[in-house]
PDB file of all heavy atoms in Angstrom:
ATOM      1  N   SER A   1      94.897  44.763  79.906  1.00  0.00           N
ATOM      2  CA  SER A   1      93.876  43.775  79.547  1.00  0.00           C
ATOM      3  C   SER A   1      93.178  44.110  78.237  1.00  0.00           C
ATOM      4  O   SER A   1      92.520  43.247  77.650  1.00  0.00           O
ATOM      5  CB  SER A   1      92.835  43.666  80.665  1.00  0.00           C
ATOM      6  OG  SER A   1      92.234  44.918  80.892  1.00  0.00           O
ATOM      7  N   ALA A   2      93.312  45.354  77.774  1.00  0.00           N
ATOM      8  CA  ALA A   2      92.684  45.756  76.510  1.00  0.00           C
ATOM      9  C   ALA A   2      93.629  46.712  75.792  1.00  0.00           C
ATOM     10  O   ALA A   2      93.430  47.932  75.823  1.00  0.00           O
ATOM     11  CB  ALA A   2      91.331  46.419  76.781  1.00  0.00           C
ATOM     12  N   PRO A   3      94.680  46.197  75.140  1.00  0.00           N
ATOM     13  CA  PRO A   3      95.739  47.048  74.579  1.00  0.00           C
ATOM     14  C   PRO A   3      95.264  48.066  73.548  1.00  0.00           C
ATOM     15  O   PRO A   3      95.908  49.091  73.371  1.00  0.00           O
ATOM     16  CB  PRO A   3      96.701  46.037  73.950  1.00  0.00           C
ATOM     17  CG  PRO A   3      96.454  44.754  74.683  1.00  0.00           C
ATOM     18  CD  PRO A   3      94.995  44.762  75.002  1.00  0.00           C
ATOM     19  N   LYS A   4      94.190  47.830  72.869  1.00  0.00           N
ATOM     20  CA  LYS A   4      93.740  48.730  71.804  1.00  0.00           C
ATOM     21  C   LYS A   4      92.524  49.559  72.234  1.00  0.00           C
ATOM     22  O   LYS A   4      91.787  50.074  71.398  1.00  0.00           O
ATOM     23  CB  LYS A   4      93.379  47.926  70.550  1.00  0.00           C
ATOM     24  CG  LYS A   4      94.540  47.108  69.984  1.00  0.00           C
ATOM     25  CD  LYS A   4      95.696  48.001  69.558  1.00  0.00           C
ATOM     26  CE  LYS A   4      96.842  47.174  68.977  1.00  0.00           C
ATOM     27  NZ  LYS A   4      97.990  48.031  68.575  1.00  0.00           N
ATOM     28  N   ALA A   5      92.313  49.713  73.527  1.00  0.00           N
ATOM     29  CA  ALA A   5      91.133  50.410  74.027  1.00  0.00           C
ATOM     30  C   ALA A   5      91.190  51.895  73.683  1.00  0.00           C
ATOM     31  O   ALA A   5      92.257  52.506  73.624  1.00  0.00           O
ATOM     32  CB  ALA A   5      91.024  50.232  75.541  1.00  0.00           C
ATOM     33  N   SER A   6      90.007  52.474  73.475  1.00  0.00           N
ATOM     34  CA  SER A   6      89.892  53.911  73.226  1.00  0.00           C
ATOM     35  C   SER A   6      89.962  54.652  74.557  1.00  0.00           C
ATOM     36  O   SER A   6      89.829  54.044  75.625  1.00  0.00           O
ATOM     37  CB  SER A   6      88.556  54.207  72.545  1.00  0.00           C
ATOM     38  OG  SER A   6      87.479  53.928  73.442  1.00  0.00           O
ATOM     39  N   PRO A   7      90.149  55.986  74.522  1.00  0.00           N
ATOM     40  CA  PRO A   7      90.170  56.739  75.783  1.00  0.00           C
ATOM     41  C   PRO A   7      88.921  56.517  76.618  1.00  0.00           C
ATOM     42  O   PRO A   7      88.999  56.348  77.840  1.00  0.00           O
ATOM     43  CB  PRO A   7      90.301  58.191  75.322  1.00  0.00           C
ATOM     44  CG  PRO A   7      90.978  58.110  74.001  1.00  0.00           C
ATOM     45  CD  PRO A   7      90.480  56.851  73.370  1.00  0.00           C
ATOM     46  N   GLY A   8      87.761  56.506  75.938  1.00  0.00           N
ATOM     47  CA  GLY A   8      86.514  56.293  76.669  1.00  0.00           C
ATOM     48  C   GLY A   8      86.446  54.918  77.320  1.00  0.00           C
ATOM     49  O   GLY A   8      85.970  54.780  78.459  1.00  0.00           O
ATOM     50  N   GLU A   9      86.948  53.906  76.613  1.00  0.00           N
ATOM     51  CA  GLU A   9      86.933  52.553  77.169  1.00  0.00           C
ATOM     52  C   GLU A   9      87.890  52.421  78.350  1.00  0.00           C
ATOM     53  O   GLU A   9      87.591  51.730  79.328  1.00  0.00           O
ATOM     54  CB  GLU A   9      87.304  51.547  76.066  1.00  0.00           C
ATOM     55  CG  GLU A   9      86.226  51.406  74.992  1.00  0.00           C
ATOM     56  CD  GLU A   9      86.695  50.600  73.799  1.00  0.00           C
ATOM     57  OE1 GLU A   9      87.925  50.575  73.525  1.00  0.00           O
ATOM     58  OE2 GLU A   9      85.841  49.996  73.123  1.00  0.00           O
ATOM     59  N   ILE A  10      89.045  53.086  78.264  1.00  0.00           N
ATOM     60  CA  ILE A  10      89.988  53.051  79.388  1.00  0.00           C
ATOM     61  C   ILE A  10      89.368  53.697  80.616  1.00  0.00           C
ATOM     62  O   ILE A  10      89.408  53.146  81.725  1.00  0.00           O
ATOM     63  CB  ILE A  10      91.298  53.766  79.006  1.00  0.00           C
ATOM     64  CG1 ILE A  10      92.026  53.004  77.899  1.00  0.00           C
ATOM     65  CG2 ILE A  10      92.210  53.909  80.229  1.00  0.00           C
ATOM     66  CD1 ILE A  10      93.249  53.719  77.351  1.00  0.00           C
ATOM     67  N   VAL A  11      88.769  54.881  80.418  1.00  0.00           N
ATOM     68  CA  VAL A  11      88.140  55.589  81.535  1.00  0.00           C
ATOM     69  C   VAL A  11      87.007  54.755  82.122  1.00  0.00           C
ATOM     70  O   VAL A  11      86.865  54.639  83.352  1.00  0.00           O
ATOM     71  CB  VAL A  11      87.611  56.963  81.077  1.00  0.00           C
ATOM     72  CG1 VAL A  11      86.754  57.600  82.160  1.00  0.00           C
ATOM     73  CG2 VAL A  11      88.781  57.878  80.714  1.00  0.00           C
ATOM     74  N   GLU A  12      86.196  54.158  81.273  1.00  0.00           N
ATOM     75  CA  GLU A  12      85.068  53.354  81.754  1.00  0.00           C
ATOM     76  C   GLU A  12      85.553  52.148  82.563  1.00  0.00           C
ATOM     77  O   GLU A  12      84.993  51.830  83.626  1.00  0.00           O
ATOM     78  CB  GLU A  12      84.232  52.878  80.563  1.00  0.00           C
ATOM     79  CG  GLU A  12      83.011  52.047  80.975  1.00  0.00           C
ATOM     80  CD  GLU A  12      82.209  51.559  79.785  1.00  0.00           C
ATOM     81  OE1 GLU A  12      82.661  51.761  78.633  1.00  0.00           O
ATOM     82  OE2 GLU A  12      81.130  50.959  80.010  1.00  0.00           O
ATOM     83  N   HIS A  13      86.591  51.483  82.070  1.00  0.00           N
ATOM     84  CA  HIS A  13      87.118  50.318  82.785  1.00  0.00           C
ATOM     85  C   HIS A  13      87.641  50.705  84.166  1.00  0.00           C
ATOM     86  O   HIS A  13      87.377  50.035  85.169  1.00  0.00           O
ATOM     87  CB  HIS A  13      88.237  49.672  81.958  1.00  0.00           C
ATOM     88  CG  HIS A  13      88.768  48.404  82.555  1.00  0.00           C
ATOM     89  ND1 HIS A  13      90.067  47.996  82.404  1.00  0.00           N
ATOM     90  CD2 HIS A  13      88.182  47.456  83.332  1.00  0.00           C
ATOM     91  CE1 HIS A  13      90.257  46.861  83.041  1.00  0.00           C
ATOM     92  NE2 HIS A  13      89.132  46.509  83.620  1.00  0.00           N
ATOM     93  N   VAL A  14      88.387  51.816  84.221  1.00  0.00           N
ATOM     94  CA  VAL A  14      88.957  52.250  85.495  1.00  0.00           C
ATOM     95  C   VAL A  14      87.861  52.669  86.459  1.00  0.00           C
ATOM     96  O   VAL A  14      87.855  52.276  87.636  1.00  0.00           O
ATOM     97  CB  VAL A  14      89.956  53.404  85.276  1.00  0.00           C
ATOM     98  CG1 VAL A  14      90.389  53.993  86.619  1.00  0.00           C
ATOM     99  CG2 VAL A  14      91.169  52.915  84.504  1.00  0.00           C
ATOM    100  N   THR A  15      86.905  53.466  85.981  1.00  0.00           N
ATOM    101  CA  THR A  15      85.860  53.985  86.881  1.00  0.00           C
ATOM    102  C   THR A  15      84.867  52.906  87.302  1.00  0.00           C
ATOM    103  O   THR A  15      84.248  53.026  88.355  1.00  0.00           O
ATOM    104  CB  THR A  15      85.120  55.154  86.232  1.00  0.00           C
ATOM    105  OG1 THR A  15      84.632  54.768  84.941  1.00  0.00           O
ATOM    106  CG2 THR A  15      86.042  56.353  86.079  1.00  0.00           C
ATOM    107  N   ASN A  16      84.735  51.867  86.499  1.00  0.00           N
ATOM    108  CA  ASN A  16      83.902  50.743  86.945  1.00  0.00           C
ATOM    109  C   ASN A  16      84.517  50.062  88.159  1.00  0.00           C
ATOM    110  O   ASN A  16      83.803  49.570  89.033  1.00  0.00           O
ATOM    111  CB  ASN A  16      83.736  49.722  85.816  1.00  0.00           C
ATOM    112  CG  ASN A  16      82.729  50.166  84.781  1.00  0.00           C
ATOM    113  OD1 ASN A  16      81.911  51.059  85.047  1.00  0.00           O
ATOM    114  ND2 ASN A  16      82.775  49.561  83.604  1.00  0.00           N
ATOM    115  N   PHE A  17      85.836  50.036  88.183  1.00  0.00           N
ATOM    116  CA  PHE A  17      86.528  49.407  89.310  1.00  0.00           C
ATOM    117  C   PHE A  17      86.717  50.375  90.464  1.00  0.00           C
ATOM    118  O   PHE A  17      86.612  50.001  91.640  1.00  0.00           O
ATOM    119  CB  PHE A  17      87.885  48.870  88.847  1.00  0.00           C
ATOM    120  CG  PHE A  17      88.603  48.077  89.900  1.00  0.00           C
ATOM    121  CD1 PHE A  17      88.234  46.772  90.185  1.00  0.00           C
ATOM    122  CD2 PHE A  17      89.652  48.632  90.617  1.00  0.00           C
ATOM    123  CE1 PHE A  17      88.889  46.035  91.156  1.00  0.00           C
ATOM    124  CE2 PHE A  17      90.314  47.905  91.594  1.00  0.00           C
ATOM    125  CZ  PHE A  17      89.926  46.599  91.864  1.00  0.00           C
ATOM    126  N   VAL A  18      86.994  51.636  90.139  1.00  0.00           N
ATOM    127  CA  VAL A  18      87.216  52.663  91.166  1.00  0.00           C
ATOM    128  C   VAL A  18      86.274  53.826  90.866  1.00  0.00           C
ATOM    129  O   VAL A  18      86.661  54.814  90.233  1.00  0.00           O
ATOM    130  CB  VAL A  18      88.680  53.151  91.182  1.00  0.00           C
ATOM    131  CG1 VAL A  18      88.935  54.053  92.396  1.00  0.00           C
ATOM    132  CG2 VAL A  18      89.644  51.986  91.193  1.00  0.00           C
ATOM    133  N   PRO A  19      85.026  53.743  91.323  1.00  0.00           N
ATOM    134  CA  PRO A  19      84.035  54.777  90.996  1.00  0.00           C
ATOM    135  C   PRO A  19      84.432  56.183  91.429  1.00  0.00           C
ATOM    136  O   PRO A  19      83.979  57.168  90.838  1.00  0.00           O
ATOM    137  CB  PRO A  19      82.781  54.300  91.752  1.00  0.00           C
ATOM    138  CG  PRO A  19      82.969  52.822  91.915  1.00  0.00           C
ATOM    139  CD  PRO A  19      84.435  52.633  92.097  1.00  0.00           C
ATOM    140  N   LYS A  20      85.270  56.306  92.453  1.00  0.00           N
ATOM    141  CA  LYS A  20      85.656  57.637  92.935  1.00  0.00           C
ATOM    142  C   LYS A  20      86.394  58.450  91.878  1.00  0.00           C
ATOM    143  O   LYS A  20      86.527  59.672  92.006  1.00  0.00           O
ATOM    144  CB  LYS A  20      86.517  57.520  94.199  1.00  0.00           C
ATOM    145  CG  LYS A  20      85.732  57.154  95.454  1.00  0.00           C
ATOM    146  CD  LYS A  20      86.627  57.166  96.680  1.00  0.00           C
ATOM    147  CE  LYS A  20      85.808  56.860  97.931  1.00  0.00           C
ATOM    148  NZ  LYS A  20      84.848  57.937  98.229  1.00  0.00           N
ATOM    149  N   LEU A  21      86.911  57.795  90.830  1.00  0.00           N
ATOM    150  CA  LEU A  21      87.634  58.511  89.790  1.00  0.00           C
ATOM    151  C   LEU A  21      86.727  58.961  88.650  1.00  0.00           C
ATOM    152  O   LEU A  21      87.206  59.525  87.665  1.00  0.00           O
ATOM    153  CB  LEU A  21      88.758  57.638  89.233  1.00  0.00           C
ATOM    154  CG  LEU A  21      90.018  57.539  90.095  1.00  0.00           C
ATOM    155  CD1 LEU A  21      91.010  56.562  89.494  1.00  0.00           C
ATOM    156  CD2 LEU A  21      90.670  58.907  90.256  1.00  0.00           C
ATOM    157  N   ALA A  22      85.437  58.735  88.774  1.00  0.00           N
ATOM    158  CA  ALA A  22      84.507  59.182  87.747  1.00  0.00           C
ATOM    159  C   ALA A  22      84.587  60.702  87.610  1.00  0.00           C
ATOM    160  O   ALA A  22      84.525  61.435  88.594  1.00  0.00           O
ATOM    161  CB  ALA A  22      83.080  58.762  88.106  1.00  0.00           C
ATOM    162  N   GLY A  23      84.765  61.152  86.379  1.00  0.00           N
ATOM    163  CA  GLY A  23      84.867  62.582  86.127  1.00  0.00           C
ATOM    164  C   GLY A  23      86.239  63.167  86.403  1.00  0.00           C
ATOM    165  O   GLY A  23      86.426  64.393  86.279  1.00  0.00           O
ATOM    166  N   ASN A  24      87.227  62.354  86.738  1.00  0.00           N
ATOM    167  CA  ASN A  24      88.565  62.844  87.028  1.00  0.00           C
ATOM    168  C   ASN A  24      89.252  63.265  85.729  1.00  0.00           C
ATOM    169  O   ASN A  24      89.463  62.454  84.833  1.00  0.00           O
ATOM    170  CB  ASN A  24      89.376  61.749  87.735  1.00  0.00           C
ATOM    171  CG  ASN A  24      90.741  62.229  88.172  1.00  0.00           C
ATOM    172  OD1 ASN A  24      91.664  62.276  87.376  1.00  0.00           O
ATOM    173  ND2 ASN A  24      90.861  62.584  89.438  1.00  0.00           N
ATOM    174  N   GLN A  25      89.580  64.549  85.637  1.00  0.00           N
ATOM    175  CA  GLN A  25      90.167  65.087  84.412  1.00  0.00           C
ATOM    176  C   GLN A  25      91.546  64.495  84.146  1.00  0.00           C
ATOM    177  O   GLN A  25      91.929  64.258  83.001  1.00  0.00           O
ATOM    178  CB  GLN A  25      90.259  66.613  84.516  1.00  0.00           C
ATOM    179  CG  GLN A  25      90.722  67.302  83.242  1.00  0.00           C
ATOM    180  CD  GLN A  25      89.764  67.081  82.071  1.00  0.00           C
ATOM    181  OE1 GLN A  25      88.563  66.858  82.279  1.00  0.00           O
ATOM    182  NE2 GLN A  25      90.274  67.109  80.853  1.00  0.00           N
ATOM    183  N   ARG A  26      92.293  64.253  85.210  1.00  0.00           N
ATOM    184  CA  ARG A  26      93.632  63.687  85.069  1.00  0.00           C
ATOM    185  C   ARG A  26      93.563  62.303  84.427  1.00  0.00           C
ATOM    186  O   ARG A  26      94.358  61.963  83.556  1.00  0.00           O
ATOM    187  CB  ARG A  26      94.302  63.611  86.447  1.00  0.00           C
ATOM    188  CG  ARG A  26      95.656  62.961  86.486  1.00  0.00           C
ATOM    189  CD  ARG A  26      96.699  63.811  85.823  1.00  0.00           C
ATOM    190  NE  ARG A  26      98.046  63.347  86.136  1.00  0.00           N
ATOM    191  CZ  ARG A  26      99.109  63.673  85.445  1.00  0.00           C
ATOM    192  NH1 ARG A  26      99.011  64.478  84.409  1.00  0.00           N
ATOM    193  NH2 ARG A  26     100.299  63.217  85.791  1.00  0.00           N
ATOM    194  N   LEU A  27      92.603  61.487  84.834  1.00  0.00           N
ATOM    195  CA  LEU A  27      92.423  60.152  84.265  1.00  0.00           C
ATOM    196  C   LEU A  27      92.119  60.242  82.779  1.00  0.00           C
ATOM    197  O   LEU A  27      92.655  59.471  81.979  1.00  0.00           O
ATOM    198  CB  LEU A  27      91.310  59.413  85.001  1.00  0.00           C
ATOM    199  CG  LEU A  27      90.908  58.055  84.424  1.00  0.00           C
ATOM    200  CD1 LEU A  27      92.088  57.086  84.448  1.00  0.00           C
ATOM    201  CD2 LEU A  27      89.727  57.464  85.195  1.00  0.00           C
ATOM    202  N   PHE A  28      91.271  61.203  82.384  1.00  0.00           N
ATOM    203  CA  PHE A  28      90.920  61.334  80.976  1.00  0.00           C
ATOM    204  C   PHE A  28      92.143  61.737  80.146  1.00  0.00           C
ATOM    205  O   PHE A  28      92.352  61.227  79.042  1.00  0.00           O
ATOM    206  CB  PHE A  28      89.810  62.376  80.812  1.00  0.00           C
ATOM    207  CG  PHE A  28      89.331  62.534  79.395  1.00  0.00           C
ATOM    208  CD1 PHE A  28      88.608  61.529  78.779  1.00  0.00           C
ATOM    209  CD2 PHE A  28      89.644  63.684  78.677  1.00  0.00           C
ATOM    210  CE1 PHE A  28      88.177  61.665  77.456  1.00  0.00           C
ATOM    211  CE2 PHE A  28      89.228  63.828  77.365  1.00  0.00           C
ATOM    212  CZ  PHE A  28      88.491  62.821  76.744  1.00  0.00           C
ATOM    213  N   GLN A  29      92.973  62.640  80.665  1.00  0.00           N
ATOM    214  CA  GLN A  29      94.179  63.049  79.945  1.00  0.00           C
ATOM    215  C   GLN A  29      95.133  61.875  79.762  1.00  0.00           C
ATOM    216  O   GLN A  29      95.732  61.705  78.691  1.00  0.00           O
ATOM    217  CB  GLN A  29      94.872  64.180  80.709  1.00  0.00           C
ATOM    218  CG  GLN A  29      94.088  65.483  80.742  1.00  0.00           C
ATOM    219  CD  GLN A  29      94.696  66.504  81.683  1.00  0.00           C
ATOM    220  OE1 GLN A  29      95.595  66.182  82.470  1.00  0.00           O
ATOM    221  NE2 GLN A  29      94.204  67.737  81.626  1.00  0.00           N
ATOM    222  N   VAL A  30      95.282  61.067  80.810  1.00  0.00           N
ATOM    223  CA  VAL A  30      96.149  59.893  80.725  1.00  0.00           C
ATOM    224  C   VAL A  30      95.614  58.911  79.688  1.00  0.00           C
ATOM    225  O   VAL A  30      96.373  58.360  78.871  1.00  0.00           O
ATOM    226  CB  VAL A  30      96.274  59.210  82.102  1.00  0.00           C
ATOM    227  CG1 VAL A  30      96.991  57.869  81.978  1.00  0.00           C
ATOM    228  CG2 VAL A  30      96.999  60.111  83.085  1.00  0.00           C
ATOM    229  N   ALA A  31      94.306  58.687  79.699  1.00  0.00           N
ATOM    230  CA  ALA A  31      93.694  57.758  78.744  1.00  0.00           C
ATOM    231  C   ALA A  31      93.911  58.221  77.310  1.00  0.00           C
ATOM    232  O   ALA A  31      94.165  57.408  76.411  1.00  0.00           O
ATOM    233  CB  ALA A  31      92.201  57.619  79.045  1.00  0.00           C
ATOM    234  N   GLN A  32      93.829  59.526  77.079  1.00  0.00           N
ATOM    235  CA  GLN A  32      94.062  60.052  75.727  1.00  0.00           C
ATOM    236  C   GLN A  32      95.498  59.774  75.273  1.00  0.00           C
ATOM    237  O   GLN A  32      95.729  59.370  74.131  1.00  0.00           O
ATOM    238  CB  GLN A  32      93.789  61.560  75.705  1.00  0.00           C
ATOM    239  CG  GLN A  32      92.313  61.931  75.713  1.00  0.00           C
ATOM    240  CD  GLN A  32      92.112  63.425  75.582  1.00  0.00           C
ATOM    241  OE1 GLN A  32      92.719  64.203  76.324  1.00  0.00           O
ATOM    242  NE2 GLN A  32      91.272  63.842  74.663  1.00  0.00           N
ATOM    243  N   GLU A  33      96.475  59.993  76.160  1.00  0.00           N
ATOM    244  CA  GLU A  33      97.870  59.764  75.798  1.00  0.00           C
ATOM    245  C   GLU A  33      98.130  58.282  75.528  1.00  0.00           C
ATOM    246  O   GLU A  33      98.829  57.926  74.567  1.00  0.00           O
ATOM    247  CB  GLU A  33      98.792  60.279  76.907  1.00  0.00           C
ATOM    248  CG  GLU A  33     100.230  59.799  76.830  1.00  0.00           C
ATOM    249  CD  GLU A  33     100.929  60.165  75.541  1.00  0.00           C
ATOM    250  OE1 GLU A  33     100.489  61.110  74.843  1.00  0.00           O
ATOM    251  OE2 GLU A  33     101.927  59.492  75.212  1.00  0.00           O
ATOM    252  N   LEU A  34      97.568  57.409  76.348  1.00  0.00           N
ATOM    253  CA  LEU A  34      97.785  55.979  76.144  1.00  0.00           C
ATOM    254  C   LEU A  34      97.142  55.501  74.856  1.00  0.00           C
ATOM    255  O   LEU A  34      97.698  54.650  74.144  1.00  0.00           O
ATOM    256  CB  LEU A  34      97.239  55.200  77.343  1.00  0.00           C
ATOM    257  CG  LEU A  34      97.999  55.379  78.655  1.00  0.00           C
ATOM    258  CD1 LEU A  34      97.328  54.593  79.782  1.00  0.00           C
ATOM    259  CD2 LEU A  34      99.454  54.944  78.501  1.00  0.00           C
ATOM    260  N   SER A  35      95.973  56.039  74.544  1.00  0.00           N
ATOM    261  CA  SER A  35      95.322  55.661  73.297  1.00  0.00           C
ATOM    262  C   SER A  35      96.125  56.182  72.104  1.00  0.00           C
ATOM    263  O   SER A  35      96.265  55.496  71.079  1.00  0.00           O
ATOM    264  CB  SER A  35      93.897  56.221  73.269  1.00  0.00           C
ATOM    265  OG  SER A  35      93.243  55.868  72.068  1.00  0.00           O
ATOM    266  N   ARG A  36      96.659  57.396  72.233  1.00  0.00           N
ATOM    267  CA  ARG A  36      97.469  57.971  71.165  1.00  0.00           C
ATOM    268  C   ARG A  36      98.708  57.117  70.892  1.00  0.00           C
ATOM    269  O   ARG A  36      99.107  56.917  69.737  1.00  0.00           O
ATOM    270  CB  ARG A  36      97.899  59.385  71.555  1.00  0.00           C
ATOM    271  CG  ARG A  36      98.709  60.112  70.471  1.00  0.00           C
ATOM    272  CD  ARG A  36      99.549  61.230  71.057  1.00  0.00           C
ATOM    273  NE  ARG A  36     100.549  60.734  71.981  1.00  0.00           N
ATOM    274  CZ  ARG A  36     101.692  60.166  71.620  1.00  0.00           C
ATOM    275  NH1 ARG A  36     101.965  59.989  70.335  1.00  0.00           N
ATOM    276  NH2 ARG A  36     102.555  59.740  72.525  1.00  0.00           N
ATOM    277  N   SER A  37      99.317  56.605  71.973  1.00  0.00           N
ATOM    278  CA  SER A  37     100.534  55.800  71.801  1.00  0.00           C
ATOM    279  C   SER A  37     100.251  54.421  71.246  1.00  0.00           C
ATOM    280  O   SER A  37     101.171  53.718  70.820  1.00  0.00           O
ATOM    281  CB  SER A  37     101.264  55.664  73.139  1.00  0.00           C
ATOM    282  OG  SER A  37     100.506  54.882  74.044  1.00  0.00           O
TER     283      SER A  37
END
Protein backbone atom coordinates (compact mmCIF):
# COMPACT_ATOMS: atom_id res chain seq x y z
CA SER A 1 0.00 0.00 0.00
CA ALA A 2 3.02 2.31 0.34
CA PRO A 3 5.78 1.12 -2.04
CA LYS A 4 8.25 3.89 -1.17
CA ALA A 5 7.81 3.76 2.62
CA SER A 6 10.81 4.20 4.91
CA PRO A 7 11.73 1.54 7.49
CA GLY A 8 10.09 3.61 10.21
CA GLU A 9 6.90 4.01 8.20
CA ILE A 10 6.72 0.27 7.48
CA VAL A 11 7.18 -0.56 11.16
CA GLU A 12 4.60 2.04 12.20
CA HIS A 13 2.03 0.75 9.71
CA VAL A 14 2.48 -2.85 10.82
CA THR A 15 2.44 -2.10 14.56
CA ASN A 16 -0.62 0.11 14.23
CA PHE A 17 -2.44 -2.93 12.90
CA VAL A 18 -0.71 -5.53 15.08
CA PRO A 19 0.41 -3.78 18.29
CA LYS A 20 1.99 -6.98 19.65
CA LEU A 21 4.85 -6.50 17.18
CA ALA A 22 5.86 -3.15 18.66
CA GLY A 23 9.57 -3.26 19.39
CA ASN A 24 10.07 -6.50 17.44
CA GLN A 25 13.66 -6.48 16.21
CA ARG A 26 12.91 -8.95 13.43
CA LEU A 27 10.26 -6.60 11.99
CA PHE A 28 12.71 -3.70 12.00
CA GLN A 29 15.35 -5.74 10.15
CA VAL A 30 12.80 -6.77 7.52
CA ALA A 31 11.66 -3.16 7.09
CA GLN A 32 15.25 -2.04 6.54
CA GLU A 33 15.80 -4.65 3.80
CA LEU A 34 12.54 -3.79 2.04
CA SER A 35 13.34 -0.10 2.14
CA ARG A 36 16.83 -0.80 0.81
CA SER A 37 15.39 -2.76 -2.11
